[in-house]
Amino acid sequence: MAILSRLPLEDVTRGLPGDDTDEQARWIEATVVGDTGAVRVCGLYLPNGNPVELEENGTPVAGGKYAYKLGWMDRLQARATALLEDEMPALMGGDYNIIPQAQDAARPDAWRRDALFRLPSREAFRRVENLGFTEAFRATTAGDGHYTFWDYQAGAYNRNDGIRIDHFLLTPQCADLLEGCWIEADVRAMEKPSDHVPVWVELAA
């Protein structure tokens, strides 16, 4: 994880609080300082969670990848709460590995059992959002057909068989600065592309 900025950075920290034993590099945050204000920028790479391993009663198997994903999201919620309490503009952006709702997948039924679209995953995402965050893309764009990831297999990009899993969540103070958010989907058509494409958020200076 990294934050690249043309403006000064202050108070750079790495690692999502809540589990000192977690050594995976999935979280970084820093304050970006401009001429007229500052924004706390948090970059994340939320665990994929597959394969989903469940007990007979439907609960995630302890120590499994899906249990780790949901536990990580609980820690994310705690950090999100702290960001709100700071009352400064802040955003959390990156690969959430979450399909928030059916319109964010070309074929939602194909993802029902996947960790990215299972109901507990979506509920965990919604709990964070409902703390008071604005999901930047959906605040500016409605409708389906908007995706940030296409699998390399079976010509998924050419068929627009994608999913939207890369998101920006903004605190109220940051949402007040929101001027736009868009997906740069054309990058996926370039030679040797990533399976993800950039998502941009524009904030007032």
N, C-alpha and C. Protein backbone atom coordinates (compact mmCIF):
# COMPACT_ATOMS: atom_id res chain seq x y z
N MET A 1 0.84 -1.19 0.00
CA MET A 1 0.00 0.00 0.00
C MET A 1 0.88 1.24 0.00
N ALA A 2 0.41 2.29 -0.70
CA ALA A 2 1.17 3.53 -0.76
C ALA A 2 0.23 4.69 -1.02
N ILE A 3 0.66 5.89 -0.63
CA ILE A 3 -0.03 7.12 -0.95
C ILE A 3 0.96 8.01 -1.69
N LEU A 4 0.61 8.41 -2.89
CA LEU A 4 1.44 9.29 -3.70
C LEU A 4 0.78 10.66 -3.73
N SER A 5 1.53 11.70 -3.37
CA SER A 5 0.94 13.03 -3.27
C SER A 5 1.91 14.08 -3.76
N ARG A 6 1.38 15.09 -4.48
CA ARG A 6 2.18 16.25 -4.87
C ARG A 6 2.19 17.30 -3.76
N LEU A 7 1.36 17.09 -2.74
CA LEU A 7 1.29 17.98 -1.59
C LEU A 7 1.94 17.32 -0.38
N PRO A 8 2.33 18.10 0.62
CA PRO A 8 2.98 17.53 1.80
C PRO A 8 2.08 16.52 2.53
N LEU A 9 2.72 15.48 3.07
CA LEU A 9 2.02 14.48 3.86
C LEU A 9 2.47 14.58 5.31
N GLU A 10 1.53 14.43 6.23
CA GLU A 10 1.84 14.43 7.65
C GLU A 10 1.22 13.22 8.32
N ASP A 11 1.82 12.80 9.42
CA ASP A 11 1.28 11.73 10.27
C ASP A 11 0.95 10.47 9.46
N VAL A 12 1.93 9.95 8.75
CA VAL A 12 1.73 8.73 7.97
C VAL A 12 1.74 7.53 8.91
N THR A 13 0.69 6.70 8.84
CA THR A 13 0.62 5.50 9.67
C THR A 13 0.22 4.32 8.80
N ARG A 14 0.70 3.14 9.19
CA ARG A 14 0.42 1.92 8.44
C ARG A 14 -0.20 0.88 9.37
N GLY A 15 -1.10 0.10 8.82
CA GLY A 15 -1.73 -0.97 9.58
C GLY A 15 -3.05 -0.54 10.20
N LEU A 16 -4.09 -1.33 9.96
CA LEU A 16 -5.41 -1.04 10.53
C LEU A 16 -5.42 -1.39 12.01
N PRO A 17 -5.76 -0.44 12.87
CA PRO A 17 -5.76 -0.73 14.32
C PRO A 17 -6.72 -1.86 14.68
N GLY A 18 -6.44 -2.49 15.81
CA GLY A 18 -7.36 -3.49 16.34
C GLY A 18 -6.81 -4.88 16.42
N ASP A 19 -5.65 -5.16 15.78
CA ASP A 19 -5.06 -6.49 15.84
C ASP A 19 -3.55 -6.36 15.61
N ASP A 20 -2.80 -6.34 16.70
CA ASP A 20 -1.35 -6.17 16.60
C ASP A 20 -0.66 -7.35 15.94
N THR A 21 -1.35 -8.48 15.82
CA THR A 21 -0.74 -9.66 15.22
C THR A 21 -0.92 -9.70 13.70
N ASP A 22 -1.73 -8.81 13.16
CA ASP A 22 -2.01 -8.80 11.72
C ASP A 22 -0.86 -8.12 11.00
N GLU A 23 -0.11 -8.88 10.22
CA GLU A 23 1.06 -8.34 9.52
C GLU A 23 0.79 -8.05 8.04
N GLN A 24 -0.45 -8.25 7.59
CA GLN A 24 -0.75 -8.01 6.18
C GLN A 24 -0.83 -6.50 5.90
N ALA A 25 -0.21 -6.10 4.80
CA ALA A 25 -0.13 -4.68 4.44
C ALA A 25 -1.40 -4.27 3.69
N ARG A 26 -2.44 -3.92 4.45
CA ARG A 26 -3.74 -3.64 3.84
C ARG A 26 -4.28 -2.25 4.18
N TRP A 27 -3.52 -1.45 4.90
CA TRP A 27 -4.04 -0.15 5.32
C TRP A 27 -2.89 0.85 5.47
N ILE A 28 -3.10 2.07 4.95
CA ILE A 28 -2.17 3.17 5.14
C ILE A 28 -2.98 4.45 5.18
N GLU A 29 -2.57 5.41 6.01
CA GLU A 29 -3.27 6.68 6.05
C GLU A 29 -2.28 7.81 6.32
N ALA A 30 -2.66 9.00 5.84
CA ALA A 30 -1.83 10.19 6.02
C ALA A 30 -2.71 11.41 5.83
N THR A 31 -2.27 12.52 6.38
CA THR A 31 -2.96 13.78 6.17
C THR A 31 -2.29 14.53 5.03
N VAL A 32 -3.07 14.85 4.00
CA VAL A 32 -2.58 15.62 2.86
C VAL A 32 -2.87 17.09 3.14
N VAL A 33 -1.82 17.89 3.13
CA VAL A 33 -1.93 19.29 3.55
C VAL A 33 -1.88 20.21 2.33
N GLY A 34 -2.95 21.00 2.14
CA GLY A 34 -3.01 21.96 1.05
C GLY A 34 -2.94 23.38 1.56
N ASP A 35 -3.10 24.33 0.66
CA ASP A 35 -3.02 25.74 1.03
C ASP A 35 -4.20 26.19 1.86
N THR A 36 -5.35 25.57 1.64
CA THR A 36 -6.56 26.03 2.32
C THR A 36 -7.14 25.02 3.30
N GLY A 37 -6.52 23.87 3.44
CA GLY A 37 -7.04 22.86 4.35
C GLY A 37 -6.30 21.55 4.23
N ALA A 38 -6.82 20.55 4.90
CA ALA A 38 -6.18 19.23 4.91
C ALA A 38 -7.23 18.15 4.84
N VAL A 39 -6.85 17.00 4.28
CA VAL A 39 -7.74 15.84 4.18
C VAL A 39 -6.98 14.62 4.68
N ARG A 40 -7.61 13.83 5.51
CA ARG A 40 -7.04 12.56 5.95
C ARG A 40 -7.37 11.52 4.90
N VAL A 41 -6.35 10.95 4.26
CA VAL A 41 -6.53 9.98 3.19
C VAL A 41 -6.15 8.60 3.71
N CYS A 42 -7.08 7.67 3.61
CA CYS A 42 -6.86 6.29 4.05
C CYS A 42 -6.96 5.37 2.84
N GLY A 43 -5.89 4.65 2.56
CA GLY A 43 -5.89 3.68 1.48
C GLY A 43 -6.03 2.28 2.03
N LEU A 44 -6.85 1.46 1.38
CA LEU A 44 -7.10 0.12 1.91
C LEU A 44 -7.15 -0.92 0.80
N TYR A 45 -6.86 -2.14 1.19
CA TYR A 45 -7.02 -3.32 0.33
C TYR A 45 -7.70 -4.36 1.18
N LEU A 46 -9.03 -4.36 1.13
CA LEU A 46 -9.82 -5.22 2.01
C LEU A 46 -9.67 -6.68 1.58
N PRO A 47 -9.58 -7.61 2.54
CA PRO A 47 -9.39 -9.03 2.19
C PRO A 47 -10.48 -9.55 1.26
N ASN A 48 -10.07 -10.43 0.35
CA ASN A 48 -11.00 -11.04 -0.60
C ASN A 48 -12.00 -11.95 0.12
N GLY A 49 -11.51 -12.82 0.96
CA GLY A 49 -12.39 -13.68 1.76
C GLY A 49 -12.70 -15.04 1.18
N ASN A 50 -12.25 -15.32 -0.03
CA ASN A 50 -12.47 -16.63 -0.63
C ASN A 50 -11.27 -17.55 -0.40
N PRO A 51 -11.50 -18.86 -0.28
CA PRO A 51 -12.81 -19.53 -0.30
C PRO A 51 -13.59 -19.31 0.98
N VAL A 52 -14.91 -19.28 0.85
CA VAL A 52 -15.78 -19.11 2.01
C VAL A 52 -15.92 -20.46 2.71
N GLU A 53 -15.42 -20.51 3.94
CA GLU A 53 -15.51 -21.74 4.75
C GLU A 53 -16.48 -21.50 5.89
N LEU A 54 -17.53 -22.32 5.95
CA LEU A 54 -18.57 -22.13 6.94
C LEU A 54 -18.76 -23.39 7.79
N GLU A 55 -19.11 -23.17 9.06
CA GLU A 55 -19.52 -24.27 9.93
C GLU A 55 -20.90 -24.75 9.51
N GLU A 56 -21.34 -25.86 10.07
CA GLU A 56 -22.66 -26.40 9.73
C GLU A 56 -23.78 -25.41 10.06
N ASN A 57 -23.56 -24.55 11.06
CA ASN A 57 -24.59 -23.57 11.44
C ASN A 57 -24.50 -22.29 10.61
N GLY A 58 -23.58 -22.27 9.65
CA GLY A 58 -23.48 -21.12 8.76
C GLY A 58 -22.51 -20.05 9.18
N THR A 59 -21.89 -20.18 10.34
CA THR A 59 -20.92 -19.19 10.78
C THR A 59 -19.56 -19.46 10.12
N PRO A 60 -18.79 -18.41 9.88
CA PRO A 60 -17.47 -18.61 9.25
C PRO A 60 -16.54 -19.44 10.12
N VAL A 61 -15.78 -20.31 9.50
CA VAL A 61 -14.80 -21.13 10.21
C VAL A 61 -13.72 -20.23 10.78
N ALA A 62 -13.47 -20.36 12.08
CA ALA A 62 -12.45 -19.55 12.73
C ALA A 62 -11.10 -19.79 12.08
N GLY A 63 -10.39 -18.73 11.81
CA GLY A 63 -9.10 -18.84 11.17
C GLY A 63 -9.15 -18.91 9.66
N GLY A 64 -10.35 -19.00 9.09
CA GLY A 64 -10.51 -19.07 7.65
C GLY A 64 -10.45 -17.69 7.02
N LYS A 65 -10.37 -17.67 5.69
CA LYS A 65 -10.23 -16.40 4.98
C LYS A 65 -11.48 -15.53 5.08
N TYR A 66 -12.65 -16.18 5.13
CA TYR A 66 -13.87 -15.38 5.23
C TYR A 66 -14.02 -14.78 6.63
N ALA A 67 -13.65 -15.55 7.64
CA ALA A 67 -13.68 -15.02 9.00
C ALA A 67 -12.72 -13.84 9.13
N TYR A 68 -11.56 -13.94 8.49
CA TYR A 68 -10.59 -12.84 8.51
C TYR A 68 -11.16 -11.60 7.84
N LYS A 69 -11.85 -11.80 6.72
CA LYS A 69 -12.46 -10.66 6.01
C LYS A 69 -13.46 -9.94 6.91
N LEU A 70 -14.38 -10.69 7.52
CA LEU A 70 -15.40 -10.06 8.35
C LEU A 70 -14.80 -9.43 9.60
N GLY A 71 -13.78 -10.07 10.17
CA GLY A 71 -13.10 -9.48 11.33
C GLY A 71 -12.39 -8.19 10.95
N TRP A 72 -11.79 -8.16 9.77
CA TRP A 72 -11.12 -6.96 9.28
C TRP A 72 -12.12 -5.84 9.09
N MET A 73 -13.31 -6.19 8.63
CA MET A 73 -14.34 -5.17 8.43
C MET A 73 -14.87 -4.63 9.75
N ASP A 74 -14.87 -5.45 10.79
CA ASP A 74 -15.22 -4.94 12.12
C ASP A 74 -14.19 -3.90 12.58
N ARG A 75 -12.92 -4.18 12.33
CA ARG A 75 -11.87 -3.22 12.67
C ARG A 75 -11.98 -1.95 11.83
N LEU A 76 -12.36 -2.13 10.56
CA LEU A 76 -12.58 -0.97 9.69
C LEU A 76 -13.68 -0.08 10.24
N GLN A 77 -14.74 -0.70 10.72
CA GLN A 77 -15.84 0.07 11.29
C GLN A 77 -15.37 0.88 12.50
N ALA A 78 -14.53 0.28 13.32
CA ALA A 78 -14.02 0.99 14.49
C ALA A 78 -13.16 2.18 14.07
N ARG A 79 -12.30 1.98 13.05
CA ARG A 79 -11.46 3.09 12.59
C ARG A 79 -12.31 4.16 11.93
N ALA A 80 -13.33 3.75 11.19
CA ALA A 80 -14.23 4.71 10.55
C ALA A 80 -14.94 5.57 11.59
N THR A 81 -15.35 4.95 12.69
CA THR A 81 -15.99 5.69 13.78
C THR A 81 -15.05 6.74 14.34
N ALA A 82 -13.78 6.38 14.51
CA ALA A 82 -12.79 7.33 15.03
C ALA A 82 -12.56 8.48 14.06
N LEU A 83 -12.55 8.19 12.77
CA LEU A 83 -12.39 9.25 11.78
C LEU A 83 -13.54 10.25 11.85
N LEU A 84 -14.75 9.75 12.04
CA LEU A 84 -15.90 10.65 12.18
C LEU A 84 -15.77 11.52 13.42
N GLU A 85 -15.29 10.94 14.49
CA GLU A 85 -15.15 11.69 15.74
C GLU A 85 -14.12 12.80 15.62
N ASP A 86 -13.15 12.63 14.72
CA ASP A 86 -12.14 13.67 14.52
C ASP A 86 -12.70 14.92 13.85
N GLU A 87 -13.81 14.77 13.15
CA GLU A 87 -14.52 15.88 12.52
C GLU A 87 -13.64 16.67 11.54
N MET A 88 -12.77 15.97 10.83
CA MET A 88 -12.02 16.62 9.77
C MET A 88 -12.32 15.90 8.47
N PRO A 89 -12.13 16.53 7.31
CA PRO A 89 -12.36 15.83 6.05
C PRO A 89 -11.49 14.58 5.96
N ALA A 90 -12.10 13.46 5.67
CA ALA A 90 -11.37 12.20 5.57
C ALA A 90 -12.07 11.30 4.57
N LEU A 91 -11.29 10.48 3.90
CA LEU A 91 -11.86 9.50 2.98
C LEU A 91 -11.13 8.17 3.13
N MET A 92 -11.84 7.11 2.84
CA MET A 92 -11.28 5.76 2.83
C MET A 92 -11.50 5.20 1.44
N GLY A 93 -10.43 4.96 0.70
CA GLY A 93 -10.57 4.52 -0.68
C GLY A 93 -9.69 3.34 -1.00
N GLY A 94 -10.14 2.53 -1.94
CA GLY A 94 -9.34 1.40 -2.39
C GLY A 94 -10.19 0.24 -2.86
N ASP A 95 -9.56 -0.92 -2.92
CA ASP A 95 -10.22 -2.16 -3.32
C ASP A 95 -10.90 -2.76 -2.10
N TYR A 96 -12.20 -2.57 -2.02
CA TYR A 96 -12.96 -3.08 -0.89
C TYR A 96 -13.32 -4.56 -1.04
N ASN A 97 -13.18 -5.10 -2.24
CA ASN A 97 -13.61 -6.48 -2.48
C ASN A 97 -15.03 -6.71 -1.99
N ILE A 98 -15.88 -5.72 -2.22
CA ILE A 98 -17.29 -5.78 -1.86
C ILE A 98 -18.11 -5.29 -3.04
N ILE A 99 -19.09 -6.08 -3.46
CA ILE A 99 -20.10 -5.65 -4.43
C ILE A 99 -21.29 -5.16 -3.59
N PRO A 100 -21.48 -3.85 -3.46
CA PRO A 100 -22.47 -3.35 -2.50
C PRO A 100 -23.91 -3.78 -2.77
N GLN A 101 -24.32 -3.82 -4.05
CA GLN A 101 -25.70 -4.19 -4.37
C GLN A 101 -25.75 -4.81 -5.76
N ALA A 102 -26.90 -5.37 -6.08
CA ALA A 102 -27.03 -6.15 -7.32
C ALA A 102 -26.67 -5.35 -8.56
N GLN A 103 -26.99 -4.06 -8.59
CA GLN A 103 -26.70 -3.27 -9.78
C GLN A 103 -25.21 -3.07 -10.00
N ASP A 104 -24.39 -3.45 -9.03
CA ASP A 104 -22.95 -3.31 -9.16
C ASP A 104 -22.28 -4.57 -9.72
N ALA A 105 -23.07 -5.47 -10.28
CA ALA A 105 -22.55 -6.66 -10.95
C ALA A 105 -23.37 -6.92 -12.20
N ALA A 106 -22.70 -7.27 -13.29
CA ALA A 106 -23.42 -7.58 -14.52
C ALA A 106 -24.30 -8.81 -14.34
N ARG A 107 -23.79 -9.79 -13.58
CA ARG A 107 -24.53 -11.03 -13.32
C ARG A 107 -24.54 -11.29 -11.82
N PRO A 108 -25.37 -10.59 -11.06
CA PRO A 108 -25.32 -10.73 -9.60
C PRO A 108 -25.55 -12.14 -9.10
N ASP A 109 -26.39 -12.91 -9.79
CA ASP A 109 -26.66 -14.27 -9.32
C ASP A 109 -25.41 -15.15 -9.34
N ALA A 110 -24.47 -14.83 -10.20
CA ALA A 110 -23.24 -15.62 -10.28
C ALA A 110 -22.33 -15.37 -9.08
N TRP A 111 -22.63 -14.34 -8.29
CA TRP A 111 -21.76 -13.96 -7.17
C TRP A 111 -22.40 -14.22 -5.81
N ARG A 112 -23.58 -14.82 -5.78
CA ARG A 112 -24.33 -14.92 -4.53
C ARG A 112 -23.55 -15.64 -3.42
N ARG A 113 -22.78 -16.66 -3.79
CA ARG A 113 -22.04 -17.44 -2.79
C ARG A 113 -20.60 -16.97 -2.62
N ASP A 114 -20.22 -15.97 -3.37
CA ASP A 114 -18.85 -15.46 -3.31
C ASP A 114 -18.71 -14.50 -2.13
N ALA A 115 -17.52 -14.46 -1.54
CA ALA A 115 -17.28 -13.60 -0.38
C ALA A 115 -17.51 -12.13 -0.70
N LEU A 116 -17.39 -11.75 -1.97
CA LEU A 116 -17.55 -10.35 -2.36
C LEU A 116 -19.02 -9.90 -2.31
N PHE A 117 -19.95 -10.86 -2.39
CA PHE A 117 -21.36 -10.49 -2.50
C PHE A 117 -22.24 -11.22 -1.49
N ARG A 118 -21.66 -12.02 -0.65
CA ARG A 118 -22.47 -12.67 0.39
C ARG A 118 -23.11 -11.62 1.27
N LEU A 119 -24.28 -11.93 1.79
CA LEU A 119 -25.03 -10.95 2.57
C LEU A 119 -24.24 -10.41 3.77
N PRO A 120 -23.53 -11.24 4.55
CA PRO A 120 -22.77 -10.68 5.67
C PRO A 120 -21.71 -9.68 5.23
N SER A 121 -21.12 -9.88 4.06
CA SER A 121 -20.13 -8.93 3.54
C SER A 121 -20.80 -7.59 3.23
N ARG A 122 -21.93 -7.66 2.55
CA ARG A 122 -22.63 -6.43 2.18
C ARG A 122 -23.17 -5.71 3.41
N GLU A 123 -23.62 -6.48 4.40
CA GLU A 123 -24.11 -5.87 5.64
C GLU A 123 -22.99 -5.16 6.38
N ALA A 124 -21.80 -5.76 6.38
CA ALA A 124 -20.66 -5.13 7.05
C ALA A 124 -20.28 -3.83 6.37
N PHE A 125 -20.30 -3.82 5.04
CA PHE A 125 -20.03 -2.60 4.28
C PHE A 125 -21.08 -1.53 4.59
N ARG A 126 -22.33 -1.94 4.64
CA ARG A 126 -23.41 -1.00 4.89
C ARG A 126 -23.33 -0.43 6.30
N ARG A 127 -22.88 -1.23 7.26
CA ARG A 127 -22.74 -0.71 8.62
C ARG A 127 -21.73 0.43 8.66
N VAL A 128 -20.64 0.27 7.92
CA VAL A 128 -19.65 1.36 7.86
C VAL A 128 -20.24 2.58 7.18
N GLU A 129 -20.87 2.37 6.04
CA GLU A 129 -21.46 3.49 5.30
C GLU A 129 -22.51 4.22 6.14
N ASN A 130 -23.31 3.45 6.88
CA ASN A 130 -24.41 4.04 7.64
C ASN A 130 -23.95 4.79 8.89
N LEU A 131 -22.67 4.73 9.20
CA LEU A 131 -22.15 5.56 10.28
C LEU A 131 -22.27 7.04 9.93
N GLY A 132 -22.35 7.33 8.64
CA GLY A 132 -22.43 8.71 8.19
C GLY A 132 -21.54 9.02 7.01
N PHE A 133 -21.07 7.98 6.32
CA PHE A 133 -20.19 8.15 5.18
C PHE A 133 -21.00 8.27 3.88
N THR A 134 -20.42 8.96 2.92
CA THR A 134 -20.98 9.07 1.58
C THR A 134 -20.16 8.22 0.62
N GLU A 135 -20.82 7.35 -0.11
CA GLU A 135 -20.13 6.55 -1.14
C GLU A 135 -20.05 7.41 -2.39
N ALA A 136 -18.85 7.88 -2.71
CA ALA A 136 -18.69 8.98 -3.66
C ALA A 136 -19.27 8.67 -5.03
N PHE A 137 -19.04 7.47 -5.54
CA PHE A 137 -19.52 7.19 -6.90
C PHE A 137 -21.04 7.19 -6.97
N ARG A 138 -21.69 6.56 -6.00
CA ARG A 138 -23.15 6.50 -6.03
C ARG A 138 -23.77 7.84 -5.66
N ALA A 139 -23.00 8.73 -5.07
CA ALA A 139 -23.52 10.08 -4.80
C ALA A 139 -23.57 10.91 -6.07
N THR A 140 -22.84 10.47 -7.10
CA THR A 140 -22.76 11.25 -8.33
C THR A 140 -23.29 10.52 -9.56
N THR A 141 -23.44 9.19 -9.47
CA THR A 141 -23.83 8.39 -10.64
C THR A 141 -24.84 7.33 -10.23
N ALA A 142 -25.94 7.22 -10.97
CA ALA A 142 -26.97 6.21 -10.72
C ALA A 142 -26.94 5.16 -11.82
N GLY A 143 -27.67 4.07 -11.61
CA GLY A 143 -27.85 3.07 -12.64
C GLY A 143 -26.81 1.97 -12.61
N ASP A 144 -27.02 0.97 -13.48
CA ASP A 144 -26.12 -0.17 -13.54
C ASP A 144 -25.16 -0.03 -14.71
N GLY A 145 -24.32 -1.05 -14.90
CA GLY A 145 -23.36 -1.04 -15.99
C GLY A 145 -22.06 -0.33 -15.69
N HIS A 146 -21.87 0.07 -14.43
CA HIS A 146 -20.65 0.77 -14.04
C HIS A 146 -19.78 -0.17 -13.19
N TYR A 147 -18.64 -0.56 -13.72
CA TYR A 147 -17.81 -1.55 -13.05
C TYR A 147 -16.36 -1.09 -12.96
N THR A 148 -15.63 -1.68 -12.01
CA THR A 148 -14.21 -1.35 -11.83
C THR A 148 -13.31 -2.56 -11.98
N PHE A 149 -13.89 -3.73 -12.16
CA PHE A 149 -13.12 -4.98 -12.26
C PHE A 149 -13.77 -5.89 -13.29
N TRP A 150 -12.92 -6.45 -14.16
CA TRP A 150 -13.35 -7.47 -15.12
C TRP A 150 -12.34 -8.59 -15.09
N ASP A 151 -12.82 -9.82 -14.95
CA ASP A 151 -11.93 -10.98 -14.94
C ASP A 151 -11.21 -11.10 -16.29
N TYR A 152 -10.04 -11.70 -16.25
CA TYR A 152 -9.29 -11.90 -17.49
C TYR A 152 -9.89 -12.99 -18.37
N GLN A 153 -10.74 -13.85 -17.80
CA GLN A 153 -11.24 -15.01 -18.52
C GLN A 153 -12.45 -14.66 -19.38
N ALA A 154 -12.58 -15.38 -20.49
CA ALA A 154 -13.80 -15.42 -21.32
C ALA A 154 -14.23 -14.05 -21.83
N GLY A 155 -13.27 -13.17 -22.08
CA GLY A 155 -13.61 -11.88 -22.67
C GLY A 155 -14.56 -11.05 -21.84
N ALA A 156 -14.38 -11.07 -20.53
CA ALA A 156 -15.31 -10.39 -19.63
C ALA A 156 -15.41 -8.90 -19.93
N TYR A 157 -14.29 -8.27 -20.23
CA TYR A 157 -14.34 -6.82 -20.47
C TYR A 157 -15.12 -6.51 -21.75
N ASN A 158 -14.87 -7.27 -22.80
CA ASN A 158 -15.57 -7.02 -24.06
C ASN A 158 -17.08 -7.20 -23.93
N ARG A 159 -17.48 -8.06 -23.02
CA ARG A 159 -18.92 -8.28 -22.78
C ARG A 159 -19.45 -7.38 -21.65
N ASN A 160 -18.57 -6.56 -21.07
CA ASN A 160 -18.90 -5.73 -19.90
C ASN A 160 -19.46 -6.58 -18.76
N ASP A 161 -18.88 -7.76 -18.60
CA ASP A 161 -19.27 -8.66 -17.52
C ASP A 161 -18.39 -8.35 -16.31
N GLY A 162 -18.69 -7.23 -15.67
CA GLY A 162 -17.83 -6.74 -14.59
C GLY A 162 -18.54 -6.62 -13.26
N ILE A 163 -17.79 -6.14 -12.30
CA ILE A 163 -18.31 -5.85 -10.97
C ILE A 163 -17.68 -4.54 -10.47
N ARG A 164 -18.36 -3.88 -9.57
CA ARG A 164 -17.84 -2.64 -8.99
C ARG A 164 -17.44 -2.92 -7.55
N ILE A 165 -16.13 -2.95 -7.29
CA ILE A 165 -15.63 -3.32 -5.96
C ILE A 165 -14.62 -2.31 -5.41
N ASP A 166 -14.35 -1.24 -6.14
CA ASP A 166 -13.40 -0.22 -5.70
C ASP A 166 -14.18 1.05 -5.36
N HIS A 167 -14.04 1.53 -4.13
CA HIS A 167 -14.94 2.56 -3.63
C HIS A 167 -14.20 3.64 -2.84
N PHE A 168 -14.84 4.80 -2.75
CA PHE A 168 -14.43 5.87 -1.86
C PHE A 168 -15.57 6.13 -0.88
N LEU A 169 -15.28 6.07 0.42
CA LEU A 169 -16.23 6.47 1.45
C LEU A 169 -15.73 7.76 2.08
N LEU A 170 -16.59 8.78 2.13
CA LEU A 170 -16.21 10.12 2.57
C LEU A 170 -16.95 10.50 3.85
N THR A 171 -16.22 11.09 4.80
CA THR A 171 -16.88 11.66 5.97
C THR A 171 -17.74 12.84 5.53
N PRO A 172 -18.68 13.28 6.37
CA PRO A 172 -19.53 14.41 5.97
C PRO A 172 -18.72 15.65 5.59
N GLN A 173 -17.64 15.92 6.34
CA GLN A 173 -16.82 17.10 6.04
C GLN A 173 -16.13 16.95 4.68
N CYS A 174 -15.76 15.73 4.31
CA CYS A 174 -15.15 15.48 3.01
C CYS A 174 -16.21 15.48 1.92
N ALA A 175 -17.38 14.92 2.20
CA ALA A 175 -18.47 14.91 1.22
C ALA A 175 -18.87 16.33 0.82
N ASP A 176 -18.74 17.28 1.74
CA ASP A 176 -19.05 18.67 1.41
C ASP A 176 -18.11 19.22 0.33
N LEU A 177 -16.95 18.59 0.16
CA LEU A 177 -15.96 19.03 -0.83
C LEU A 177 -16.09 18.28 -2.15
N LEU A 178 -16.96 17.27 -2.19
CA LEU A 178 -17.05 16.40 -3.36
C LEU A 178 -17.54 17.15 -4.59
N GLU A 179 -16.76 17.08 -5.67
CA GLU A 179 -17.15 17.70 -6.93
C GLU A 179 -17.38 16.67 -8.03
N GLY A 180 -16.84 15.47 -7.88
CA GLY A 180 -17.06 14.45 -8.89
C GLY A 180 -16.38 13.15 -8.53
N CYS A 181 -16.86 12.07 -9.13
CA CYS A 181 -16.25 10.75 -8.97
C CYS A 181 -16.57 9.96 -10.22
N TRP A 182 -15.54 9.36 -10.81
CA TRP A 182 -15.76 8.63 -12.05
C TRP A 182 -14.80 7.46 -12.17
N ILE A 183 -15.19 6.50 -13.01
CA ILE A 183 -14.41 5.29 -13.28
C ILE A 183 -13.74 5.44 -14.63
N GLU A 184 -12.44 5.23 -14.68
CA GLU A 184 -11.69 5.32 -15.93
C GLU A 184 -11.65 3.94 -16.59
N ALA A 185 -12.80 3.51 -17.09
CA ALA A 185 -12.95 2.14 -17.59
C ALA A 185 -12.12 1.86 -18.82
N ASP A 186 -11.83 2.86 -19.64
CA ASP A 186 -11.11 2.63 -20.89
C ASP A 186 -9.71 2.08 -20.67
N VAL A 187 -9.16 2.28 -19.49
CA VAL A 187 -7.82 1.76 -19.20
C VAL A 187 -7.79 0.24 -19.34
N ARG A 188 -8.92 -0.40 -19.11
CA ARG A 188 -8.97 -1.87 -19.16
C ARG A 188 -8.73 -2.39 -20.58
N ALA A 189 -8.91 -1.55 -21.59
CA ALA A 189 -8.72 -1.95 -22.98
C ALA A 189 -7.28 -1.78 -23.46
N MET A 190 -6.42 -1.27 -22.61
CA MET A 190 -5.03 -1.07 -22.99
C MET A 190 -4.26 -2.39 -23.01
N GLU A 191 -3.06 -2.37 -23.54
CA GLU A 191 -2.25 -3.57 -23.62
C GLU A 191 -1.78 -3.99 -22.22
N LYS A 192 -1.95 -5.27 -21.89
CA LYS A 192 -1.56 -5.84 -20.62
C LYS A 192 -2.09 -5.03 -19.42
N PRO A 193 -3.40 -4.84 -19.36
CA PRO A 193 -3.97 -4.02 -18.27
C PRO A 193 -4.10 -4.82 -16.97
N SER A 194 -4.31 -4.09 -15.91
CA SER A 194 -4.75 -4.71 -14.66
C SER A 194 -6.20 -5.14 -14.82
N ASP A 195 -6.66 -6.06 -13.98
CA ASP A 195 -8.08 -6.42 -14.02
C ASP A 195 -8.94 -5.36 -13.31
N HIS A 196 -8.31 -4.45 -12.57
CA HIS A 196 -8.99 -3.29 -11.99
C HIS A 196 -8.69 -2.06 -12.83
N VAL A 197 -9.55 -1.05 -12.74
CA VAL A 197 -9.29 0.23 -13.40
C VAL A 197 -9.30 1.35 -12.35
N PRO A 198 -8.71 2.50 -12.66
CA PRO A 198 -8.70 3.60 -11.69
C PRO A 198 -10.09 4.17 -11.43
N VAL A 199 -10.31 4.57 -10.21
CA VAL A 199 -11.49 5.34 -9.83
C VAL A 199 -10.99 6.67 -9.29
N TRP A 200 -11.57 7.75 -9.78
CA TRP A 200 -11.12 9.08 -9.41
C TRP A 200 -12.18 9.79 -8.58
N VAL A 201 -11.73 10.53 -7.57
CA VAL A 201 -12.62 11.41 -6.82
C VAL A 201 -12.02 12.81 -6.84
N GLU A 202 -12.85 13.80 -7.12
CA GLU A 202 -12.39 15.18 -7.17
C GLU A 202 -13.01 15.97 -6.03
N LEU A 203 -12.14 16.63 -5.25
CA LEU A 203 -12.58 17.42 -4.12
C LEU A 203 -12.26 18.89 -4.35
N ALA A 204 -13.09 19.77 -3.83
CA ALA A 204 -12.84 21.21 -3.95
C ALA A 204 -11.55 21.56 -3.22
N ALA A 205 -10.81 22.49 -3.77
CA ALA A 205 -9.54 22.91 -3.16
C ALA A 205 -9.79 23.61 -1.83
